[in-house]
Amino acid sequence: SLHGALLAAKAAGHDYVNIDGILV
């Protein structure tokens, strides 16, 4: 889930994430 992914990113010590759209 997005909430879980962001928690994992914090736990991994990341300061920021990127968001971008992909056209499939």
mmCIF file of all heavy atoms, coordinates in Angstrom:
data_MODEL
# 
_entry.id   MODEL 
# 
loop_
_atom_site.group_PDB 
_atom_site.id 
_atom_site.type_symbol 
_atom_site.label_atom_id 
_atom_site.label_alt_id 
_atom_site.label_comp_id 
_atom_site.label_asym_id 
_atom_site.label_entity_id 
_atom_site.label_seq_id 
_atom_site.pdbx_PDB_ins_code 
_atom_site.Cartn_x 
_atom_site.Cartn_y 
_atom_site.Cartn_z 
_atom_site.occupancy 
_atom_site.B_iso_or_equiv 
_atom_site.pdbx_formal_charge 
_atom_site.auth_seq_id 
_atom_site.auth_comp_id 
_atom_site.auth_asym_id 
_atom_site.auth_atom_id 
_atom_site.pdbx_PDB_model_num 
ATOM 1   N N   . SER A 1 1  ? 0.854  -1.184 0.000   1.00 0.00 ? 1  SER A N   1 
ATOM 2   C CA  . SER A 1 1  ? 0.000  0.000  0.000   1.00 0.00 ? 1  SER A CA  1 
ATOM 3   C C   . SER A 1 1  ? 0.892  1.236  0.000   1.00 0.00 ? 1  SER A C   1 
ATOM 4   O O   . SER A 1 1  ? 2.090  1.158  0.319   1.00 0.00 ? 1  SER A O   1 
ATOM 5   C CB  . SER A 1 1  ? -0.896 0.009  1.238   1.00 0.00 ? 1  SER A CB  1 
ATOM 6   O OG  . SER A 1 1  ? -0.106 0.160  2.416   1.00 0.00 ? 1  SER A OG  1 
ATOM 7   N N   . LEU A 1 2  ? 0.329  2.388  -0.328  1.00 0.00 ? 2  LEU A N   1 
ATOM 8   C CA  . LEU A 1 2  ? 1.130  3.614  -0.336  1.00 0.00 ? 2  LEU A CA  1 
ATOM 9   C C   . LEU A 1 2  ? 1.613  3.943  1.073   1.00 0.00 ? 2  LEU A C   1 
ATOM 10  O O   . LEU A 1 2  ? 2.773  4.328  1.263   1.00 0.00 ? 2  LEU A O   1 
ATOM 11  C CB  . LEU A 1 2  ? 0.306  4.772  -0.907  1.00 0.00 ? 2  LEU A CB  1 
ATOM 12  C CG  . LEU A 1 2  ? 1.006  6.135  -0.936  1.00 0.00 ? 2  LEU A CG  1 
ATOM 13  C CD1 . LEU A 1 2  ? 2.324  6.067  -1.693  1.00 0.00 ? 2  LEU A CD1 1 
ATOM 14  C CD2 . LEU A 1 2  ? 0.093  7.196  -1.548  1.00 0.00 ? 2  LEU A CD2 1 
ATOM 15  N N   . HIS A 1 3  ? 0.732  3.787  2.055   1.00 0.00 ? 3  HIS A N   1 
ATOM 16  C CA  . HIS A 1 3  ? 1.129  4.065  3.438   1.00 0.00 ? 3  HIS A CA  1 
ATOM 17  C C   . HIS A 1 3  ? 2.290  3.161  3.854   1.00 0.00 ? 3  HIS A C   1 
ATOM 18  O O   . HIS A 1 3  ? 3.277  3.632  4.434   1.00 0.00 ? 3  HIS A O   1 
ATOM 19  C CB  . HIS A 1 3  ? -0.068 3.844  4.367   1.00 0.00 ? 3  HIS A CB  1 
ATOM 20  C CG  . HIS A 1 3  ? 0.234  4.061  5.817   1.00 0.00 ? 3  HIS A CG  1 
ATOM 21  N ND1 . HIS A 1 3  ? 0.529  5.302  6.350   1.00 0.00 ? 3  HIS A ND1 1 
ATOM 22  C CD2 . HIS A 1 3  ? 0.316  3.177  6.862   1.00 0.00 ? 3  HIS A CD2 1 
ATOM 23  C CE1 . HIS A 1 3  ? 0.766  5.184  7.651   1.00 0.00 ? 3  HIS A CE1 1 
ATOM 24  N NE2 . HIS A 1 3  ? 0.647  3.908  7.980   1.00 0.00 ? 3  HIS A NE2 1 
ATOM 25  N N   . GLY A 1 4  ? 2.196  1.881  3.528   1.00 0.00 ? 4  GLY A N   1 
ATOM 26  C CA  . GLY A 1 4  ? 3.264  0.954  3.874   1.00 0.00 ? 4  GLY A CA  1 
ATOM 27  C C   . GLY A 1 4  ? 4.555  1.262  3.143   1.00 0.00 ? 4  GLY A C   1 
ATOM 28  O O   . GLY A 1 4  ? 5.649  1.152  3.714   1.00 0.00 ? 4  GLY A O   1 
ATOM 29  N N   . ALA A 1 5  ? 4.436  1.649  1.872   1.00 0.00 ? 5  ALA A N   1 
ATOM 30  C CA  . ALA A 1 5  ? 5.628  1.968  1.085   1.00 0.00 ? 5  ALA A CA  1 
ATOM 31  C C   . ALA A 1 5  ? 6.351  3.193  1.646   1.00 0.00 ? 5  ALA A C   1 
ATOM 32  O O   . ALA A 1 5  ? 7.587  3.230  1.720   1.00 0.00 ? 5  ALA A O   1 
ATOM 33  C CB  . ALA A 1 5  ? 5.238  2.210  -0.373  1.00 0.00 ? 5  ALA A CB  1 
ATOM 34  N N   . LEU A 1 6  ? 5.592  4.211  2.059   1.00 0.00 ? 6  LEU A N   1 
ATOM 35  C CA  . LEU A 1 6  ? 6.202  5.418  2.617   1.00 0.00 ? 6  LEU A CA  1 
ATOM 36  C C   . LEU A 1 6  ? 6.850  5.132  3.969   1.00 0.00 ? 6  LEU A C   1 
ATOM 37  O O   . LEU A 1 6  ? 7.921  5.664  4.280   1.00 0.00 ? 6  LEU A O   1 
ATOM 38  C CB  . LEU A 1 6  ? 5.152  6.521  2.747   1.00 0.00 ? 6  LEU A CB  1 
ATOM 39  C CG  . LEU A 1 6  ? 4.579  7.054  1.421   1.00 0.00 ? 6  LEU A CG  1 
ATOM 40  C CD1 . LEU A 1 6  ? 3.472  8.065  1.682   1.00 0.00 ? 6  LEU A CD1 1 
ATOM 41  C CD2 . LEU A 1 6  ? 5.672  7.673  0.558   1.00 0.00 ? 6  LEU A CD2 1 
ATOM 42  N N   . LEU A 1 7  ? 6.213  4.282  4.771   1.00 0.00 ? 7  LEU A N   1 
ATOM 43  C CA  . LEU A 1 7  ? 6.821  3.882  6.044   1.00 0.00 ? 7  LEU A CA  1 
ATOM 44  C C   . LEU A 1 7  ? 8.135  3.146  5.812   1.00 0.00 ? 7  LEU A C   1 
ATOM 45  O O   . LEU A 1 7  ? 9.128  3.358  6.531   1.00 0.00 ? 7  LEU A O   1 
ATOM 46  C CB  . LEU A 1 7  ? 5.858  2.998  6.832   1.00 0.00 ? 7  LEU A CB  1 
ATOM 47  C CG  . LEU A 1 7  ? 4.664  3.679  7.508   1.00 0.00 ? 7  LEU A CG  1 
ATOM 48  C CD1 . LEU A 1 7  ? 3.796  2.653  8.196   1.00 0.00 ? 7  LEU A CD1 1 
ATOM 49  C CD2 . LEU A 1 7  ? 5.144  4.735  8.515   1.00 0.00 ? 7  LEU A CD2 1 
ATOM 50  N N   . ALA A 1 8  ? 8.150  2.274  4.797   1.00 0.00 ? 8  ALA A N   1 
ATOM 51  C CA  . ALA A 1 8  ? 9.370  1.536  4.469   1.00 0.00 ? 8  ALA A CA  1 
ATOM 52  C C   . ALA A 1 8  ? 10.468 2.481  3.995   1.00 0.00 ? 8  ALA A C   1 
ATOM 53  O O   . ALA A 1 8  ? 11.646 2.299  4.320   1.00 0.00 ? 8  ALA A O   1 
ATOM 54  C CB  . ALA A 1 8  ? 9.071  0.487  3.396   1.00 0.00 ? 8  ALA A CB  1 
ATOM 55  N N   . ALA A 1 9  ? 10.082 3.503  3.232   1.00 0.00 ? 9  ALA A N   1 
ATOM 56  C CA  . ALA A 1 9  ? 11.063 4.484  2.755   1.00 0.00 ? 9  ALA A CA  1 
ATOM 57  C C   . ALA A 1 9  ? 11.662 5.259  3.927   1.00 0.00 ? 9  ALA A C   1 
ATOM 58  O O   . ALA A 1 9  ? 12.870 5.521  3.968   1.00 0.00 ? 9  ALA A O   1 
ATOM 59  C CB  . ALA A 1 9  ? 10.403 5.441  1.767   1.00 0.00 ? 9  ALA A CB  1 
ATOM 60  N N   . LYS A 1 10 ? 10.832 5.616  4.884   1.00 0.00 ? 10 LYS A N   1 
ATOM 61  C CA  . LYS A 1 10 ? 11.338 6.300  6.082   1.00 0.00 ? 10 LYS A CA  1 
ATOM 62  C C   . LYS A 1 10 ? 12.279 5.396  6.862   1.00 0.00 ? 10 LYS A C   1 
ATOM 63  O O   . LYS A 1 10 ? 13.352 5.815  7.304   1.00 0.00 ? 10 LYS A O   1 
ATOM 64  C CB  . LYS A 1 10 ? 10.164 6.713  6.978   1.00 0.00 ? 10 LYS A CB  1 
ATOM 65  C CG  . LYS A 1 10 ? 9.311  7.841  6.445   1.00 0.00 ? 10 LYS A CG  1 
ATOM 66  C CD  . LYS A 1 10 ? 8.208  8.177  7.440   1.00 0.00 ? 10 LYS A CD  1 
ATOM 67  C CE  . LYS A 1 10 ? 7.272  9.240  6.912   1.00 0.00 ? 10 LYS A CE  1 
ATOM 68  N NZ  . LYS A 1 10 ? 6.186  9.578  7.886   1.00 0.00 ? 10 LYS A NZ  1 
ATOM 69  N N   . ALA A 1 11 ? 11.855 4.142  7.043   1.00 0.00 ? 11 ALA A N   1 
ATOM 70  C CA  . ALA A 1 11 ? 12.672 3.190  7.798   1.00 0.00 ? 11 ALA A CA  1 
ATOM 71  C C   . ALA A 1 11 ? 14.013 2.951  7.128   1.00 0.00 ? 11 ALA A C   1 
ATOM 72  O O   . ALA A 1 11 ? 15.020 2.670  7.803   1.00 0.00 ? 11 ALA A O   1 
ATOM 73  C CB  . ALA A 1 11 ? 11.917 1.870  7.960   1.00 0.00 ? 11 ALA A CB  1 
ATOM 74  N N   . ALA A 1 12 ? 14.046 3.059  5.804   1.00 0.00 ? 12 ALA A N   1 
ATOM 75  C CA  . ALA A 1 12 ? 15.293 2.856  5.065   1.00 0.00 ? 12 ALA A CA  1 
ATOM 76  C C   . ALA A 1 12 ? 16.197 4.078  5.128   1.00 0.00 ? 12 ALA A C   1 
ATOM 77  O O   . ALA A 1 12 ? 17.319 4.051  4.613   1.00 0.00 ? 12 ALA A O   1 
ATOM 78  C CB  . ALA A 1 12 ? 14.983 2.510  3.612   1.00 0.00 ? 12 ALA A CB  1 
ATOM 79  N N   . GLY A 1 13 ? 15.710 5.163  5.734   1.00 0.00 ? 13 GLY A N   1 
ATOM 80  C CA  . GLY A 1 13 ? 16.534 6.357  5.910   1.00 0.00 ? 13 GLY A CA  1 
ATOM 81  C C   . GLY A 1 13 ? 16.473 7.359  4.780   1.00 0.00 ? 13 GLY A C   1 
ATOM 82  O O   . GLY A 1 13 ? 17.313 8.271  4.713   1.00 0.00 ? 13 GLY A O   1 
ATOM 83  N N   . HIS A 1 14 ? 15.494 7.235  3.900   1.00 0.00 ? 14 HIS A N   1 
ATOM 84  C CA  . HIS A 1 14 ? 15.383 8.173  2.784   1.00 0.00 ? 14 HIS A CA  1 
ATOM 85  C C   . HIS A 1 14 ? 14.786 9.496  3.254   1.00 0.00 ? 14 HIS A C   1 
ATOM 86  O O   . HIS A 1 14 ? 13.908 9.524  4.123   1.00 0.00 ? 14 HIS A O   1 
ATOM 87  C CB  . HIS A 1 14 ? 14.523 7.589  1.670   1.00 0.00 ? 14 HIS A CB  1 
ATOM 88  C CG  . HIS A 1 14 ? 15.062 6.313  1.096   1.00 0.00 ? 14 HIS A CG  1 
ATOM 89  N ND1 . HIS A 1 14 ? 16.326 6.231  0.548   1.00 0.00 ? 14 HIS A ND1 1 
ATOM 90  C CD2 . HIS A 1 14 ? 14.515 5.075  0.977   1.00 0.00 ? 14 HIS A CD2 1 
ATOM 91  C CE1 . HIS A 1 14 ? 16.542 4.999  0.122   1.00 0.00 ? 14 HIS A CE1 1 
ATOM 92  N NE2 . HIS A 1 14 ? 15.463 4.273  0.374   1.00 0.00 ? 14 HIS A NE2 1 
ATOM 93  N N   . ASP A 1 15 ? 15.248 10.587 2.656   1.00 0.00 ? 15 ASP A N   1 
ATOM 94  C CA  . ASP A 1 15 ? 14.758 11.915 3.008   1.00 0.00 ? 15 ASP A CA  1 
ATOM 95  C C   . ASP A 1 15 ? 13.603 12.362 2.109   1.00 0.00 ? 15 ASP A C   1 
ATOM 96  O O   . ASP A 1 15 ? 12.854 13.266 2.472   1.00 0.00 ? 15 ASP A O   1 
ATOM 97  C CB  . ASP A 1 15 ? 15.882 12.949 2.890   1.00 0.00 ? 15 ASP A CB  1 
ATOM 98  C CG  . ASP A 1 15 ? 17.017 12.677 3.862   1.00 0.00 ? 15 ASP A CG  1 
ATOM 99  O OD1 . ASP A 1 15 ? 16.725 12.257 5.002   1.00 0.00 ? 15 ASP A OD1 1 
ATOM 100 O OD2 . ASP A 1 15 ? 18.180 12.868 3.480   1.00 0.00 ? 15 ASP A OD2 1 
ATOM 101 N N   . TYR A 1 16 ? 13.501 11.765 0.946   1.00 0.00 ? 16 TYR A N   1 
ATOM 102 C CA  . TYR A 1 16 ? 12.451 12.170 0.018   1.00 0.00 ? 16 TYR A CA  1 
ATOM 103 C C   . TYR A 1 16 ? 12.114 11.015 -0.917  1.00 0.00 ? 16 TYR A C   1 
ATOM 104 O O   . TYR A 1 16 ? 12.862 10.032 -1.018  1.00 0.00 ? 16 TYR A O   1 
ATOM 105 C CB  . TYR A 1 16 ? 12.886 13.387 -0.808  1.00 0.00 ? 16 TYR A CB  1 
ATOM 106 C CG  . TYR A 1 16 ? 14.028 13.117 -1.759  1.00 0.00 ? 16 TYR A CG  1 
ATOM 107 C CD1 . TYR A 1 16 ? 13.791 12.737 -3.079  1.00 0.00 ? 16 TYR A CD1 1 
ATOM 108 C CD2 . TYR A 1 16 ? 15.358 13.237 -1.341  1.00 0.00 ? 16 TYR A CD2 1 
ATOM 109 C CE1 . TYR A 1 16 ? 14.836 12.479 -3.957  1.00 0.00 ? 16 TYR A CE1 1 
ATOM 110 C CE2 . TYR A 1 16 ? 16.407 12.992 -2.202  1.00 0.00 ? 16 TYR A CE2 1 
ATOM 111 C CZ  . TYR A 1 16 ? 16.139 12.611 -3.509  1.00 0.00 ? 16 TYR A CZ  1 
ATOM 112 O OH  . TYR A 1 16 ? 17.174 12.346 -4.374  1.00 0.00 ? 16 TYR A OH  1 
ATOM 113 N N   . VAL A 1 17 ? 10.981 11.130 -1.572  1.00 0.00 ? 17 VAL A N   1 
ATOM 114 C CA  . VAL A 1 17 ? 10.576 10.196 -2.620  1.00 0.00 ? 17 VAL A CA  1 
ATOM 115 C C   . VAL A 1 17 ? 10.188 11.014 -3.852  1.00 0.00 ? 17 VAL A C   1 
ATOM 116 O O   . VAL A 1 17 ? 9.984  12.223 -3.765  1.00 0.00 ? 17 VAL A O   1 
ATOM 117 C CB  . VAL A 1 17 ? 9.387  9.308  -2.184  1.00 0.00 ? 17 VAL A CB  1 
ATOM 118 C CG1 . VAL A 1 17 ? 9.796  8.365  -1.070  1.00 0.00 ? 17 VAL A CG1 1 
ATOM 119 C CG2 . VAL A 1 17 ? 8.185  10.153 -1.777  1.00 0.00 ? 17 VAL A CG2 1 
ATOM 120 N N   . ASN A 1 18 ? 10.118 10.343 -4.972  1.00 0.00 ? 18 ASN A N   1 
ATOM 121 C CA  . ASN A 1 18 ? 9.690  10.979 -6.220  1.00 0.00 ? 18 ASN A CA  1 
ATOM 122 C C   . ASN A 1 18 ? 8.360  10.399 -6.657  1.00 0.00 ? 18 ASN A C   1 
ATOM 123 O O   . ASN A 1 18 ? 8.085  9.217  -6.427  1.00 0.00 ? 18 ASN A O   1 
ATOM 124 C CB  . ASN A 1 18 ? 10.714 10.733 -7.337  1.00 0.00 ? 18 ASN A CB  1 
ATOM 125 C CG  . ASN A 1 18 ? 12.068 11.316 -7.020  1.00 0.00 ? 18 ASN A CG  1 
ATOM 126 O OD1 . ASN A 1 18 ? 12.311 12.504 -7.166  1.00 0.00 ? 18 ASN A OD1 1 
ATOM 127 N ND2 . ASN A 1 18 ? 12.986 10.465 -6.565  1.00 0.00 ? 18 ASN A ND2 1 
ATOM 128 N N   . ILE A 1 19 ? 7.553  11.211 -7.289  1.00 0.00 ? 19 ILE A N   1 
ATOM 129 C CA  . ILE A 1 19 ? 6.312  10.715 -7.889  1.00 0.00 ? 19 ILE A CA  1 
ATOM 130 C C   . ILE A 1 19 ? 6.277  11.152 -9.350  1.00 0.00 ? 19 ILE A C   1 
ATOM 131 O O   . ILE A 1 19 ? 6.665  12.272 -9.692  1.00 0.00 ? 19 ILE A O   1 
ATOM 132 C CB  . ILE A 1 19 ? 5.064  11.227 -7.135  1.00 0.00 ? 19 ILE A CB  1 
ATOM 133 C CG1 . ILE A 1 19 ? 3.799  10.544 -7.697  1.00 0.00 ? 19 ILE A CG1 1 
ATOM 134 C CG2 . ILE A 1 19 ? 4.953  12.739 -7.180  1.00 0.00 ? 19 ILE A CG2 1 
ATOM 135 C CD1 . ILE A 1 19 ? 2.560  10.791 -6.874  1.00 0.00 ? 19 ILE A CD1 1 
ATOM 136 N N   . ASP A 1 20 ? 5.864  10.248 -10.201 1.00 0.00 ? 20 ASP A N   1 
ATOM 137 C CA  . ASP A 1 20 ? 5.805  10.551 -11.630 1.00 0.00 ? 20 ASP A CA  1 
ATOM 138 C C   . ASP A 1 20 ? 4.769  9.645  -12.272 1.00 0.00 ? 20 ASP A C   1 
ATOM 139 O O   . ASP A 1 20 ? 4.544  8.518  -11.819 1.00 0.00 ? 20 ASP A O   1 
ATOM 140 C CB  . ASP A 1 20 ? 7.176  10.326 -12.286 1.00 0.00 ? 20 ASP A CB  1 
ATOM 141 C CG  . ASP A 1 20 ? 7.253  10.953 -13.673 1.00 0.00 ? 20 ASP A CG  1 
ATOM 142 O OD1 . ASP A 1 20 ? 6.465  11.876 -13.957 1.00 0.00 ? 20 ASP A OD1 1 
ATOM 143 O OD2 . ASP A 1 20 ? 8.093  10.516 -14.479 1.00 0.00 ? 20 ASP A OD2 1 
ATOM 144 N N   . GLY A 1 21 ? 4.140  10.142 -13.304 1.00 0.00 ? 21 GLY A N   1 
ATOM 145 C CA  . GLY A 1 21 ? 3.153  9.348  -14.022 1.00 0.00 ? 21 GLY A CA  1 
ATOM 146 C C   . GLY A 1 21 ? 3.790  8.576  -15.163 1.00 0.00 ? 21 GLY A C   1 
ATOM 147 O O   . GLY A 1 21 ? 4.715  9.060  -15.816 1.00 0.00 ? 21 GLY A O   1 
ATOM 148 N N   . ILE A 1 22 ? 3.314  7.371  -15.363 1.00 0.00 ? 22 ILE A N   1 
ATOM 149 C CA  . ILE A 1 22 ? 3.779  6.553  -16.478 1.00 0.00 ? 22 ILE A CA  1 
ATOM 150 C C   . ILE A 1 22 ? 2.578  6.216  -17.350 1.00 0.00 ? 22 ILE A C   1 
ATOM 151 O O   . ILE A 1 22 ? 1.501  5.906  -16.836 1.00 0.00 ? 22 ILE A O   1 
ATOM 152 C CB  . ILE A 1 22 ? 4.464  5.260  -15.964 1.00 0.00 ? 22 ILE A CB  1 
ATOM 153 C CG1 . ILE A 1 22 ? 4.977  4.403  -17.122 1.00 0.00 ? 22 ILE A CG1 1 
ATOM 154 C CG2 . ILE A 1 22 ? 3.535  4.452  -15.086 1.00 0.00 ? 22 ILE A CG2 1 
ATOM 155 C CD1 . ILE A 1 22 ? 5.757  3.179  -16.655 1.00 0.00 ? 22 ILE A CD1 1 
ATOM 156 N N   . LEU A 1 23 ? 2.741  6.326  -18.656 1.00 0.00 ? 23 LEU A N   1 
ATOM 157 C CA  . LEU A 1 23 ? 1.664  5.952  -19.571 1.00 0.00 ? 23 LEU A CA  1 
ATOM 158 C C   . LEU A 1 23 ? 1.922  4.538  -20.061 1.00 0.00 ? 23 LEU A C   1 
ATOM 159 O O   . LEU A 1 23 ? 2.918  4.276  -20.729 1.00 0.00 ? 23 LEU A O   1 
ATOM 160 C CB  . LEU A 1 23 ? 1.578  6.903  -20.765 1.00 0.00 ? 23 LEU A CB  1 
ATOM 161 C CG  . LEU A 1 23 ? 0.356  6.619  -21.654 1.00 0.00 ? 23 LEU A CG  1 
ATOM 162 C CD1 . LEU A 1 23 ? -0.878 7.338  -21.106 1.00 0.00 ? 23 LEU A CD1 1 
ATOM 163 C CD2 . LEU A 1 23 ? 0.588  7.021  -23.097 1.00 0.00 ? 23 LEU A CD2 1 
ATOM 164 N N   . VAL A 1 24 ? 1.028  3.631  -19.721 1.00 0.00 ? 24 VAL A N   1 
ATOM 165 C CA  . VAL A 1 24 ? 1.100  2.255  -20.213 1.00 0.00 ? 24 VAL A CA  1 
ATOM 166 C C   . VAL A 1 24 ? 0.164  2.178  -21.420 1.00 0.00 ? 24 VAL A C   1 
ATOM 167 O O   . VAL A 1 24 ? -1.047 2.302  -21.281 1.00 0.00 ? 24 VAL A O   1 
ATOM 168 C CB  . VAL A 1 24 ? 0.679  1.248  -19.131 1.00 0.00 ? 24 VAL A CB  1 
ATOM 169 C CG1 . VAL A 1 24 ? 0.735  -0.172 -19.676 1.00 0.00 ? 24 VAL A CG1 1 
ATOM 170 C CG2 . VAL A 1 24 ? 1.580  1.383  -17.907 1.00 0.00 ? 24 VAL A CG2 1 
# 
